[in-house]
């Protein structure tokens, strides 16, 4: 459900962003490290740090707007 949206954003933003998916069932340590309590969770990183998170399926324009905001 969220994958097609993320793929569209990745295609549109090109090298400006890197989108990575993690299966929390296969990576419980990473899930614990970032405090994942609900999925899907979108974590926005900048300079190696989590700047924002969103829980649940979000519309493309909301995700894109957050990426634009964090690029400033």
PDB file of N, CA and C in Angstrom:
ATOM      1  N   UNK A   1       0.825  -1.190   0.000  1.00  0.00           N
ATOM      2  CA  UNK A   1       0.000   0.000   0.000  1.00  0.00           C
ATOM      3  C   UNK A   1       0.874   1.262   0.000  1.00  0.00           C
ATOM      4  N   UNK A   2       1.888   1.304   0.827  1.00  0.00           N
ATOM      5  CA  UNK A   2       2.781   2.460   0.892  1.00  0.00           C
ATOM      6  C   UNK A   2       3.922   2.356  -0.115  1.00  0.00           C
ATOM      7  N   UNK A   3       4.284   1.150  -0.482  1.00  0.00           N
ATOM      8  CA  UNK A   3       5.419   0.940  -1.382  1.00  0.00           C
ATOM      9  C   UNK A   3       5.290   1.696  -2.702  1.00  0.00           C
ATOM     10  N   UNK A   4       4.159   1.645  -3.389  1.00  0.00           N
ATOM     11  CA  UNK A   4       4.068   2.385  -4.666  1.00  0.00           C
ATOM     12  C   UNK A   4       4.272   3.892  -4.484  1.00  0.00           C
ATOM     13  N   UNK A   5       3.777   4.433  -3.399  1.00  0.00           N
ATOM     14  CA  UNK A   5       3.938   5.860  -3.130  1.00  0.00           C
ATOM     15  C   UNK A   5       5.409   6.189  -2.926  1.00  0.00           C
ATOM     16  N   UNK A   6       6.098   5.375  -2.131  1.00  0.00           N
ATOM     17  CA  UNK A   6       7.517   5.604  -1.879  1.00  0.00           C
ATOM     18  C   UNK A   6       8.344   5.442  -3.151  1.00  0.00           C
ATOM     19  N   UNK A   7       7.974   4.491  -3.989  1.00  0.00           N
ATOM     20  CA  UNK A   7       8.676   4.306  -5.255  1.00  0.00           C
ATOM     21  C   UNK A   7       8.494   5.509  -6.171  1.00  0.00           C
ATOM     22  N   UNK A   8       7.283   6.075  -6.204  1.00  0.00           N
ATOM     23  CA  UNK A   8       7.030   7.276  -7.011  1.00  0.00           C
ATOM     24  C   UNK A   8       7.869   8.443  -6.515  1.00  0.00           C
ATOM     25  N   UNK A   9       7.907   8.629  -5.200  1.00  0.00           N
ATOM     26  CA  UNK A   9       8.681   9.729  -4.629  1.00  0.00           C
ATOM     27  C   UNK A   9      10.164   9.534  -4.938  1.00  0.00           C
ATOM     28  N   UNK A  10      10.662   8.323  -4.789  1.00  0.00           N
ATOM     29  CA  UNK A  10      12.075   8.039  -5.069  1.00  0.00           C
ATOM     30  C   UNK A  10      12.408   8.366  -6.522  1.00  0.00           C
ATOM     31  N   UNK A  11      11.509   8.009  -7.420  1.00  0.00           N
ATOM     32  CA  UNK A  11      11.729   8.287  -8.841  1.00  0.00           C
ATOM     33  C   UNK A  11      11.719   9.788  -9.114  1.00  0.00           C
ATOM     34  N   UNK A  12      10.793  10.499  -8.489  1.00  0.00           N
ATOM     35  CA  UNK A  12      10.664  11.937  -8.712  1.00  0.00           C
ATOM     36  C   UNK A  12      11.817  12.727  -8.088  1.00  0.00           C
ATOM     37  N   UNK A  13      12.270  12.303  -6.919  1.00  0.00           N
ATOM     38  CA  UNK A  13      13.314  13.047  -6.195  1.00  0.00           C
ATOM     39  C   UNK A  13      14.720  12.651  -6.635  1.00  0.00           C
ATOM     40  N   UNK A  14      14.851  11.517  -7.282  1.00  0.00           N
ATOM     41  CA  UNK A  14      16.153  11.078  -7.770  1.00  0.00           C
ATOM     42  C   UNK A  14      17.172  10.909  -6.661  1.00  0.00           C
ATOM     43  N   UNK A  15      18.368  11.434  -6.899  1.00  0.00           N
ATOM     44  CA  UNK A  15      19.459  11.287  -5.935  1.00  0.00           C
ATOM     45  C   UNK A  15      19.324  12.204  -4.724  1.00  0.00           C
ATOM     46  N   UNK A  16      18.316  13.050  -4.701  1.00  0.00           N
ATOM     47  CA  UNK A  16      18.128  13.972  -3.581  1.00  0.00           C
ATOM     48  C   UNK A  16      17.700  13.247  -2.308  1.00  0.00           C
ATOM     49  N   UNK A  17      17.102  12.065  -2.467  1.00  0.00           N
ATOM     50  CA  UNK A  17      16.662  11.286  -1.303  1.00  0.00           C
ATOM     51  C   UNK A  17      17.063   9.828  -1.487  1.00  0.00           C
ATOM     52  N   UNK A  18      17.129   9.138  -0.376  1.00  0.00           N
ATOM     53  CA  UNK A  18      17.347   7.694  -0.397  1.00  0.00           C
ATOM     54  C   UNK A  18      16.223   7.066   0.413  1.00  0.00           C
ATOM     55  N   UNK A  19      15.474   6.199  -0.213  1.00  0.00           N
ATOM     56  CA  UNK A  19      14.354   5.541   0.451  1.00  0.00           C
ATOM     57  C   UNK A  19      14.715   4.076   0.639  1.00  0.00           C
ATOM     58  N   UNK A  20      14.612   3.634   1.876  1.00  0.00           N
ATOM     59  CA  UNK A  20      14.961   2.262   2.235  1.00  0.00           C
ATOM     60  C   UNK A  20      13.836   1.666   3.057  1.00  0.00           C
ATOM     61  N   UNK A  21      13.506   0.424   2.785  1.00  0.00           N
ATOM     62  CA  UNK A  21      12.484  -0.277   3.558  1.00  0.00           C
ATOM     63  C   UNK A  21      13.158  -1.325   4.433  1.00  0.00           C
ATOM     64  N   UNK A  22      12.634  -1.474   5.645  1.00  0.00           N
ATOM     65  CA  UNK A  22      13.155  -2.460   6.585  1.00  0.00           C
ATOM     66  C   UNK A  22      11.988  -3.297   7.100  1.00  0.00           C
ATOM     67  N   UNK A  23      12.166  -4.609   7.066  1.00  0.00           N
ATOM     68  CA  UNK A  23      11.174  -5.515   7.634  1.00  0.00           C
ATOM     69  C   UNK A  23      11.479  -5.652   9.123  1.00  0.00           C
ATOM     70  N   UNK A  24      10.600  -5.107   9.965  1.00  0.00           N
ATOM     71  CA  UNK A  24      10.865  -5.111  11.405  1.00  0.00           C
ATOM     72  C   UNK A  24      10.829  -6.514  12.006  1.00  0.00           C
ATOM     73  N   UNK A  25      10.120  -7.430  11.379  1.00  0.00           N
ATOM     74  CA  UNK A  25      10.098  -8.818  11.868  1.00  0.00           C
ATOM     75  C   UNK A  25      11.451  -9.488  11.664  1.00  0.00           C
ATOM     76  N   UNK A  26      12.145  -9.101  10.612  1.00  0.00           N
ATOM     77  CA  UNK A  26      13.456  -9.674  10.312  1.00  0.00           C
ATOM     78  C   UNK A  26      14.598  -8.890  10.964  1.00  0.00           C
ATOM     79  N   UNK A  27      14.285  -7.709  11.493  1.00  0.00           N
ATOM     80  CA  UNK A  27      15.297  -6.841  12.089  1.00  0.00           C
ATOM     81  C   UNK A  27      14.816  -6.287  13.428  1.00  0.00           C
ATOM     82  N   UNK A  28      14.584  -7.170  14.409  1.00  0.00           N
ATOM     83  CA  UNK A  28      14.031  -6.693  15.685  1.00  0.00           C
ATOM     84  C   UNK A  28      14.946  -5.723  16.432  1.00  0.00           C
ATOM     85  N   UNK A  29      16.241  -5.860  16.310  1.00  0.00           N
ATOM     86  CA  UNK A  29      17.160  -4.941  16.994  1.00  0.00           C
ATOM     87  C   UNK A  29      17.013  -3.524  16.450  1.00  0.00           C
ATOM     88  N   UNK A  30      16.899  -3.413  15.142  1.00  0.00           N
ATOM     89  CA  UNK A  30      16.723  -2.105  14.522  1.00  0.00           C
ATOM     90  C   UNK A  30      15.373  -1.514  14.910  1.00  0.00           C
ATOM     91  N   UNK A  31      14.374  -2.359  14.949  1.00  0.00           N
ATOM     92  CA  UNK A  31      13.047  -1.931  15.372  1.00  0.00           C
ATOM     93  C   UNK A  31      13.086  -1.382  16.793  1.00  0.00           C
ATOM     94  N   UNK A  32      13.773  -2.072  17.665  1.00  0.00           N
ATOM     95  CA  UNK A  32      13.892  -1.633  19.055  1.00  0.00           C
ATOM     96  C   UNK A  32      14.708  -0.343  19.141  1.00  0.00           C
ATOM     97  N   UNK A  33      15.776  -0.253  18.383  1.00  0.00           N
ATOM     98  CA  UNK A  33      16.639   0.931  18.393  1.00  0.00           C
ATOM     99  C   UNK A  33      15.856   2.200  18.084  1.00  0.00           C
ATOM    100  N   UNK A  34      14.913   2.100  17.146  1.00  0.00           N
ATOM    101  CA  UNK A  34      14.152   3.271  16.739  1.00  0.00           C
ATOM    102  C   UNK A  34      12.766   3.339  17.379  1.00  0.00           C
ATOM    103  N   UNK A  35      12.491   2.447  18.313  1.00  0.00           N
ATOM    104  CA  UNK A  35      11.245   2.506  19.067  1.00  0.00           C
ATOM    105  C   UNK A  35       9.998   2.290  18.235  1.00  0.00           C
ATOM    106  N   UNK A  36      10.081   1.397  17.275  1.00  0.00           N
ATOM    107  CA  UNK A  36       8.931   1.127  16.415  1.00  0.00           C
ATOM    108  C   UNK A  36       7.861   0.404  17.219  1.00  0.00           C
ATOM    109  N   UNK A  37       6.710   1.044  17.344  1.00  0.00           N
ATOM    110  CA  UNK A  37       5.589   0.460  18.079  1.00  0.00           C
ATOM    111  C   UNK A  37       4.436   0.107  17.139  1.00  0.00           C
ATOM    112  N   UNK A  38       4.364   0.814  16.022  1.00  0.00           N
ATOM    113  CA  UNK A  38       3.323   0.585  15.022  1.00  0.00           C
ATOM    114  C   UNK A  38       3.955   0.665  13.644  1.00  0.00           C
ATOM    115  N   UNK A  39       3.379  -0.075  12.714  1.00  0.00           N
ATOM    116  CA  UNK A  39       3.847  -0.018  11.339  1.00  0.00           C
ATOM    117  C   UNK A  39       2.666   0.287  10.427  1.00  0.00           C
ATOM    118  N   UNK A  40       2.924   0.920   9.307  1.00  0.00           N
ATOM    119  CA  UNK A  40       4.227   1.389   8.857  1.00  0.00           C
ATOM    120  C   UNK A  40       4.673   2.626   9.632  1.00  0.00           C
ATOM    121  N   UNK A  41       5.978   2.746   9.767  1.00  0.00           N
ATOM    122  CA  UNK A  41       6.617   3.911  10.364  1.00  0.00           C
ATOM    123  C   UNK A  41       7.555   4.480   9.319  1.00  0.00           C
ATOM    124  N   UNK A  42       7.434   5.762   9.065  1.00  0.00           N
ATOM    125  CA  UNK A  42       8.348   6.434   8.149  1.00  0.00           C
ATOM    126  C   UNK A  42       9.264   7.290   9.007  1.00  0.00           C
ATOM    127  N   UNK A  43      10.549   7.037   8.931  1.00  0.00           N
ATOM    128  CA  UNK A  43      11.534   7.829   9.660  1.00  0.00           C
ATOM    129  C   UNK A  43      12.299   8.674   8.651  1.00  0.00           C
ATOM    130  N   UNK A  44      12.367   9.953   8.913  1.00  0.00           N
ATOM    131  CA  UNK A  44      13.074  10.888   8.046  1.00  0.00           C
ATOM    132  C   UNK A  44      14.418  11.203   8.687  1.00  0.00           C
ATOM    133  N   UNK A  45      15.479  10.866   7.990  1.00  0.00           N
ATOM    134  CA  UNK A  45      16.832  11.093   8.476  1.00  0.00           C
ATOM    135  C   UNK A  45      17.460  12.269   7.743  1.00  0.00           C
ATOM    136  N   UNK A  46      18.256  13.017   8.470  1.00  0.00           N
ATOM    137  CA  UNK A  46      19.079  14.057   7.856  1.00  0.00           C
ATOM    138  C   UNK A  46      20.377  14.098   8.635  1.00  0.00           C
ATOM    139  N   UNK A  47      21.479  14.040   7.926  1.00  0.00           N
ATOM    140  CA  UNK A  47      22.805  14.028   8.544  1.00  0.00           C
ATOM    141  C   UNK A  47      22.940  12.881   9.551  1.00  0.00           C
ATOM    142  N   UNK A  48      22.336  11.738   9.229  1.00  0.00           N
ATOM    143  CA  UNK A  48      22.474  10.546  10.052  1.00  0.00           C
ATOM    144  C   UNK A  48      21.596  10.500  11.291  1.00  0.00           C
ATOM    145  N   UNK A  49      20.731  11.488  11.475  1.00  0.00           N
ATOM    146  CA  UNK A  49      19.853  11.531  12.642  1.00  0.00           C
ATOM    147  C   UNK A  49      18.390  11.537  12.217  1.00  0.00           C
ATOM    148  N   UNK A  50      17.540  10.903  13.033  1.00  0.00           N
ATOM    149  CA  UNK A  50      16.105  10.934  12.778  1.00  0.00           C
ATOM    150  C   UNK A  50      15.602  12.329  13.112  1.00  0.00           C
ATOM    151  N   UNK A  51      14.997  12.984  12.128  1.00  0.00           N
ATOM    152  CA  UNK A  51      14.477  14.337  12.327  1.00  0.00           C
ATOM    153  C   UNK A  51      12.972  14.333  12.561  1.00  0.00           C
ATOM    154  N   UNK A  52      12.279  13.400  11.943  1.00  0.00           N
ATOM    155  CA  UNK A  52      10.817  13.301  12.062  1.00  0.00           C
ATOM    156  C   UNK A  52      10.411  11.853  11.840  1.00  0.00           C
ATOM    157  N   UNK A  53       9.258  11.493  12.354  1.00  0.00           N
ATOM    158  CA  UNK A  53       8.660  10.190  12.044  1.00  0.00           C
ATOM    159  C   UNK A  53       7.174  10.387  11.757  1.00  0.00           C
ATOM    160  N   UNK A  54       6.632   9.478  10.979  1.00  0.00           N
ATOM    161  CA  UNK A  54       5.202   9.425  10.692  1.00  0.00           C
ATOM    162  C   UNK A  54       4.763   7.981  10.856  1.00  0.00           C
ATOM    163  N   UNK A  55       3.645   7.785  11.514  1.00  0.00           N
ATOM    164  CA  UNK A  55       3.117   6.437  11.696  1.00  0.00           C
ATOM    165  C   UNK A  55       1.856   6.306  10.855  1.00  0.00           C
ATOM    166  N   UNK A  56       1.739   5.168  10.191  1.00  0.00           N
ATOM    167  CA  UNK A  56       0.565   4.908   9.368  1.00  0.00           C
ATOM    168  C   UNK A  56       0.807   5.286   7.922  1.00  0.00           C
ATOM    169  N   UNK A  57      -0.095   4.851   7.084  1.00  0.00           N
ATOM    170  CA  UNK A  57      -0.008   5.161   5.656  1.00  0.00           C
ATOM    171  C   UNK A  57      -0.326   6.637   5.474  1.00  0.00           C
ATOM    172  N   UNK A  58       0.553   7.324   4.779  1.00  0.00           N
ATOM    173  CA  UNK A  58       0.401   8.758   4.545  1.00  0.00           C
ATOM    174  C   UNK A  58       0.249   9.018   3.053  1.00  0.00           C
ATOM    175  N   UNK A  59      -0.482  10.070   2.697  1.00  0.00           N
ATOM    176  CA  UNK A  59      -0.597  10.421   1.283  1.00  0.00           C
ATOM    177  C   UNK A  59       0.747  10.896   0.730  1.00  0.00           C
ATOM    178  N   UNK A  60       0.908  10.717  -0.560  1.00  0.00           N
ATOM    179  CA  UNK A  60       2.146  11.084  -1.237  1.00  0.00           C
ATOM    180  C   UNK A  60       2.502  12.543  -0.993  1.00  0.00           C
ATOM    181  N   UNK A  61       1.529  13.435  -1.079  1.00  0.00           N
ATOM    182  CA  UNK A  61       1.837  14.856  -0.924  1.00  0.00           C
ATOM    183  C   UNK A  61       2.324  15.195   0.480  1.00  0.00           C
ATOM    184  N   UNK A  62       1.863  14.488   1.486  1.00  0.00           N
ATOM    185  CA  UNK A  62       2.304  14.722   2.865  1.00  0.00           C
ATOM    186  C   UNK A  62       3.761  14.284   3.026  1.00  0.00           C
ATOM    187  N   UNK A  63       4.096  13.128   2.486  1.00  0.00           N
ATOM    188  CA  UNK A  63       5.474  12.628   2.571  1.00  0.00           C
ATOM    189  C   UNK A  63       6.414  13.537   1.785  1.00  0.00           C
ATOM    190  N   UNK A  64       6.030  13.907   0.591  1.00  0.00           N
ATOM    191  CA  UNK A  64       6.850  14.784  -0.248  1.00  0.00           C
ATOM    192  C   UNK A  64       7.045  16.135   0.406  1.00  0.00           C
ATOM    193  N   UNK A  65       6.008  16.671   1.027  1.00  0.00           N
ATOM    194  CA  UNK A  65       6.116  17.970   1.698  1.00  0.00           C
ATOM    195  C   UNK A  65       7.090  17.885   2.873  1.00  0.00           C
ATOM    196  N   UNK A  66       7.069  16.800   3.602  1.00  0.00           N
ATOM    197  CA  UNK A  66       7.987  16.626   4.730  1.00  0.00           C
ATOM    198  C   UNK A  66       9.424  16.527   4.222  1.00  0.00           C
ATOM    199  N   UNK A  67       9.631  15.820   3.132  1.00  0.00           N
ATOM    200  CA  UNK A  67      10.975  15.737   2.543  1.00  0.00           C
ATOM    201  C   UNK A  67      11.454  17.122   2.119  1.00  0.00           C
ATOM    202  N   UNK A  68      10.586  17.897   1.499  1.00  0.00           N
ATOM    203  CA  UNK A  68      10.949  19.248   1.074  1.00  0.00           C
ATOM    204  C   UNK A  68      11.269  20.118   2.287  1.00  0.00           C
ATOM    205  N   UNK A  69      10.476  19.997   3.327  1.00  0.00           N
ATOM    206  CA  UNK A  69      10.685  20.779   4.550  1.00  0.00           C
ATOM    207  C   UNK A  69      12.044  20.448   5.180  1.00  0.00           C
ATOM    208  N   UNK A  70      12.384  19.185   5.233  1.00  0.00           N
ATOM    209  CA  UNK A  70      13.624  18.777   5.871  1.00  0.00           C
ATOM    210  C   UNK A  70      14.863  19.059   5.006  1.00  0.00           C
ATOM    211  N   UNK A  71      14.653  19.323   3.732  1.00  0.00           N
ATOM    212  CA  UNK A  71      15.775  19.618   2.839  1.00  0.00           C
ATOM    213  C   UNK A  71      16.282  21.047   3.043  1.00  0.00           C
ATOM    214  N   UNK A  72      15.500  21.867   3.716  1.00  0.00           N
ATOM    215  CA  UNK A  72      15.892  23.273   3.903  1.00  0.00           C
ATOM    216  C   UNK A  72      17.108  23.419   4.781  1.00  0.00           C
TER     217      UNK A  72
END
